Amino acid sequence: MTVFFDNVEHFVLNSEQYDRVRNGAALKIKASSNEVALVYSGKIKAIYEKKLNVYKPQLMLLQND
């Protein structure tokens, strides 16, 4: 089995954060990497990249169920 984004820091979203991610919003989260995999319900939903002091969408995987 291939594990994608295994080398990227994972950040688990709450439902409010996930609603924002689904709409492509930037997030202020506490992460240490420049790139994070955003996880909701055990699935990676997006890859966000740090720009200044917020994380912005780099790759959206919302259909990943």
Foldseek 3Di string as FASTA:
>chain_A
DDDPPPVAAEDEDDPVVVVCVVVFHKAQDDDDDQWYFYDYPRWGAFIWGDDPRITGGDGGRNVTD
